[in-house]
N, C-alpha and C. Protein backbone atom coordinates (compact mmCIF):
# COMPACT_ATOMS: atom_id res chain seq x y z
N UNK A 1 0.84 -1.18 0.00
CA UNK A 1 0.00 0.00 0.00
C UNK A 1 0.89 1.24 0.00
N UNK A 2 0.60 2.17 -0.87
CA UNK A 2 1.38 3.40 -0.98
C UNK A 2 0.83 4.46 -0.04
N UNK A 3 1.74 5.12 0.67
CA UNK A 3 1.34 6.24 1.52
C UNK A 3 2.46 7.28 1.49
N UNK A 4 2.35 8.30 2.30
CA UNK A 4 3.34 9.38 2.29
C UNK A 4 4.72 8.91 2.71
N UNK A 5 4.81 7.78 3.39
CA UNK A 5 6.10 7.29 3.86
C UNK A 5 6.77 6.33 2.87
N UNK A 6 6.00 5.76 1.94
CA UNK A 6 6.57 4.81 0.99
C UNK A 6 6.60 5.32 -0.44
N UNK A 7 5.84 6.35 -0.75
CA UNK A 7 5.82 6.87 -2.12
C UNK A 7 6.99 7.84 -2.32
N UNK A 8 7.47 7.93 -3.56
CA UNK A 8 8.59 8.84 -3.83
C UNK A 8 8.17 10.30 -3.70
N UNK A 9 9.14 11.15 -3.42
CA UNK A 9 8.91 12.59 -3.27
C UNK A 9 9.73 13.29 -4.35
N UNK A 10 9.11 14.21 -5.09
CA UNK A 10 9.77 14.94 -6.17
C UNK A 10 9.76 16.43 -5.85
N UNK A 11 10.90 17.07 -6.09
CA UNK A 11 11.01 18.51 -5.89
C UNK A 11 11.68 19.10 -7.12
N UNK A 12 10.94 19.93 -7.83
CA UNK A 12 11.44 20.52 -9.07
C UNK A 12 11.85 21.96 -8.79
N UNK A 13 13.09 22.29 -9.18
CA UNK A 13 13.61 23.64 -9.02
C UNK A 13 13.70 24.27 -10.41
N UNK A 14 12.69 25.06 -10.75
CA UNK A 14 12.64 25.64 -12.09
C UNK A 14 12.57 24.53 -13.12
N UNK A 15 13.28 24.70 -14.22
CA UNK A 15 13.35 23.67 -15.26
C UNK A 15 14.71 23.00 -15.30
N UNK A 16 15.57 23.32 -14.34
CA UNK A 16 16.97 22.88 -14.40
C UNK A 16 17.36 21.78 -13.43
N UNK A 17 16.54 21.49 -12.41
CA UNK A 17 16.97 20.51 -11.42
C UNK A 17 15.76 19.81 -10.81
N UNK A 18 15.85 18.48 -10.72
CA UNK A 18 14.80 17.66 -10.12
C UNK A 18 15.42 16.80 -9.03
N UNK A 19 14.90 16.92 -7.82
CA UNK A 19 15.32 16.09 -6.69
C UNK A 19 14.30 14.98 -6.51
N UNK A 20 14.77 13.75 -6.37
CA UNK A 20 13.90 12.59 -6.15
C UNK A 20 14.33 11.94 -4.84
N UNK A 21 13.39 11.74 -3.94
CA UNK A 21 13.67 11.11 -2.66
C UNK A 21 12.76 9.89 -2.53
N UNK A 22 13.31 8.77 -2.21
CA UNK A 22 12.60 7.50 -2.13
C UNK A 22 13.51 6.44 -2.73
N UNK A 23 13.12 5.18 -2.68
CA UNK A 23 13.95 4.12 -3.26
C UNK A 23 14.12 4.37 -4.75
N UNK A 24 15.37 4.51 -5.21
CA UNK A 24 15.66 4.91 -6.59
C UNK A 24 16.59 3.90 -7.26
N UNK A 25 16.20 3.46 -8.46
CA UNK A 25 17.03 2.62 -9.31
C UNK A 25 17.05 3.23 -10.70
N UNK A 26 18.22 3.35 -11.29
CA UNK A 26 18.35 3.88 -12.64
C UNK A 26 18.02 2.79 -13.64
N UNK A 27 17.04 3.03 -14.51
CA UNK A 27 16.59 2.05 -15.50
C UNK A 27 17.12 2.40 -16.89
N UNK A 28 17.06 3.68 -17.24
CA UNK A 28 17.51 4.14 -18.56
C UNK A 28 18.17 5.50 -18.41
N UNK A 29 19.25 5.73 -19.17
CA UNK A 29 20.00 6.97 -19.03
C UNK A 29 20.40 7.50 -20.40
N UNK A 30 19.96 8.70 -20.72
CA UNK A 30 20.34 9.37 -21.95
C UNK A 30 20.20 10.86 -21.79
N UNK A 31 20.74 11.63 -22.73
CA UNK A 31 20.69 13.09 -22.62
C UNK A 31 19.29 13.66 -22.79
N UNK A 32 18.37 12.88 -23.40
CA UNK A 32 17.02 13.38 -23.63
C UNK A 32 15.96 12.66 -22.81
N UNK A 33 16.35 11.56 -22.15
CA UNK A 33 15.40 10.82 -21.34
C UNK A 33 16.13 10.02 -20.28
N UNK A 34 15.62 10.09 -19.06
CA UNK A 34 16.13 9.29 -17.95
C UNK A 34 14.92 8.61 -17.32
N UNK A 35 15.02 7.30 -17.09
CA UNK A 35 13.93 6.55 -16.45
C UNK A 35 14.45 6.02 -15.13
N UNK A 36 13.68 6.28 -14.08
CA UNK A 36 14.01 5.82 -12.74
C UNK A 36 12.90 4.91 -12.23
N UNK A 37 13.27 3.93 -11.43
CA UNK A 37 12.30 3.13 -10.70
C UNK A 37 12.28 3.69 -9.28
N UNK A 38 11.15 4.24 -8.90
CA UNK A 38 11.03 4.93 -7.61
C UNK A 38 9.90 4.29 -6.80
N UNK A 39 10.26 3.54 -5.79
CA UNK A 39 9.23 2.93 -4.94
C UNK A 39 8.27 2.05 -5.72
N UNK A 40 8.76 1.33 -6.71
CA UNK A 40 7.92 0.43 -7.50
C UNK A 40 7.23 1.09 -8.68
N UNK A 41 7.46 2.38 -8.89
CA UNK A 41 6.85 3.11 -10.01
C UNK A 41 7.93 3.61 -10.94
N UNK A 42 7.73 3.47 -12.26
CA UNK A 42 8.69 4.00 -13.21
C UNK A 42 8.34 5.46 -13.51
N UNK A 43 9.37 6.28 -13.49
CA UNK A 43 9.22 7.71 -13.76
C UNK A 43 10.16 8.07 -14.90
N UNK A 44 9.63 8.74 -15.92
CA UNK A 44 10.42 9.18 -17.07
C UNK A 44 10.61 10.69 -16.98
N UNK A 45 11.87 11.12 -17.03
CA UNK A 45 12.21 12.53 -17.05
C UNK A 45 12.63 12.85 -18.48
N UNK A 46 12.01 13.86 -19.11
CA UNK A 46 12.30 14.23 -20.49
C UNK A 46 12.92 15.61 -20.52
N UNK A 47 13.82 15.83 -21.49
CA UNK A 47 14.43 17.14 -21.64
C UNK A 47 15.63 17.08 -22.56
N UNK A 48 16.53 18.04 -22.41
CA UNK A 48 17.77 18.07 -23.18
C UNK A 48 18.93 18.26 -22.23
N UNK A 49 20.07 17.78 -22.63
CA UNK A 49 21.31 17.82 -21.84
C UNK A 49 21.11 17.30 -20.41
N UNK A 50 20.29 16.26 -20.27
CA UNK A 50 20.02 15.69 -18.95
C UNK A 50 21.23 14.91 -18.46
N UNK A 51 21.45 14.98 -17.16
CA UNK A 51 22.51 14.19 -16.55
C UNK A 51 22.13 13.89 -15.10
N UNK A 52 22.64 12.78 -14.62
CA UNK A 52 22.42 12.39 -13.23
C UNK A 52 23.55 13.00 -12.41
N UNK A 53 23.21 13.98 -11.58
CA UNK A 53 24.21 14.65 -10.76
C UNK A 53 24.49 13.88 -9.47
N UNK A 54 23.49 13.13 -8.99
CA UNK A 54 23.62 12.34 -7.77
C UNK A 54 22.71 11.13 -7.89
N UNK A 55 23.21 9.98 -7.50
CA UNK A 55 22.39 8.77 -7.47
C UNK A 55 22.84 7.91 -6.31
N UNK A 56 21.90 7.62 -5.41
CA UNK A 56 22.15 6.69 -4.31
C UNK A 56 20.93 5.78 -4.23
N UNK A 57 20.92 4.88 -3.29
CA UNK A 57 19.80 3.95 -3.15
C UNK A 57 18.50 4.65 -2.80
N UNK A 58 18.59 5.85 -2.24
CA UNK A 58 17.37 6.53 -1.80
C UNK A 58 17.17 7.91 -2.41
N UNK A 59 18.15 8.43 -3.15
CA UNK A 59 18.02 9.79 -3.69
C UNK A 59 18.62 9.88 -5.08
N UNK A 60 18.09 10.84 -5.85
CA UNK A 60 18.66 11.16 -7.15
C UNK A 60 18.48 12.65 -7.41
N UNK A 61 19.43 13.21 -8.13
CA UNK A 61 19.33 14.60 -8.58
C UNK A 61 19.59 14.59 -10.08
N UNK A 62 18.65 15.14 -10.84
CA UNK A 62 18.76 15.20 -12.29
C UNK A 62 18.91 16.67 -12.67
N UNK A 63 19.92 16.96 -13.48
CA UNK A 63 20.15 18.32 -13.98
C UNK A 63 19.97 18.34 -15.49
N UNK A 64 19.73 19.52 -16.04
CA UNK A 64 19.57 19.72 -17.47
C UNK A 64 18.37 20.60 -17.72
N UNK A 65 17.94 20.70 -18.95
CA UNK A 65 16.74 21.46 -19.27
C UNK A 65 15.57 20.48 -19.30
N UNK A 66 14.81 20.45 -18.22
CA UNK A 66 13.72 19.47 -18.04
C UNK A 66 12.47 20.01 -18.71
N UNK A 67 11.90 19.19 -19.61
CA UNK A 67 10.66 19.59 -20.28
C UNK A 67 9.45 18.92 -19.65
N UNK A 68 9.66 17.84 -18.89
CA UNK A 68 8.55 17.19 -18.20
C UNK A 68 8.97 15.89 -17.57
N UNK A 69 8.10 15.37 -16.73
CA UNK A 69 8.31 14.02 -16.20
C UNK A 69 6.94 13.41 -15.95
N UNK A 70 6.89 12.09 -16.14
CA UNK A 70 5.62 11.41 -15.99
C UNK A 70 5.83 9.98 -15.50
N UNK A 71 4.74 9.40 -15.00
CA UNK A 71 4.76 8.01 -14.53
C UNK A 71 4.41 7.13 -15.73
N UNK A 72 5.19 6.07 -15.92
CA UNK A 72 4.93 5.17 -17.06
C UNK A 72 4.71 3.75 -16.57
């Protein structure tokens, strides 16, 4: 069951930085698309010049020009 303690938390700073907090696994990595597995949900980040600035078991920071992100 998903609740505030088990679901991922996203914090977007403008269009240039996305913080993800929760169980994080890198699934796909490219300059225009990054896919993360966050708490059992796949999240796709779209944009240009994307890069993973930080990745740990529980956190990720994505930098670049972010055009959107969605659950897939």
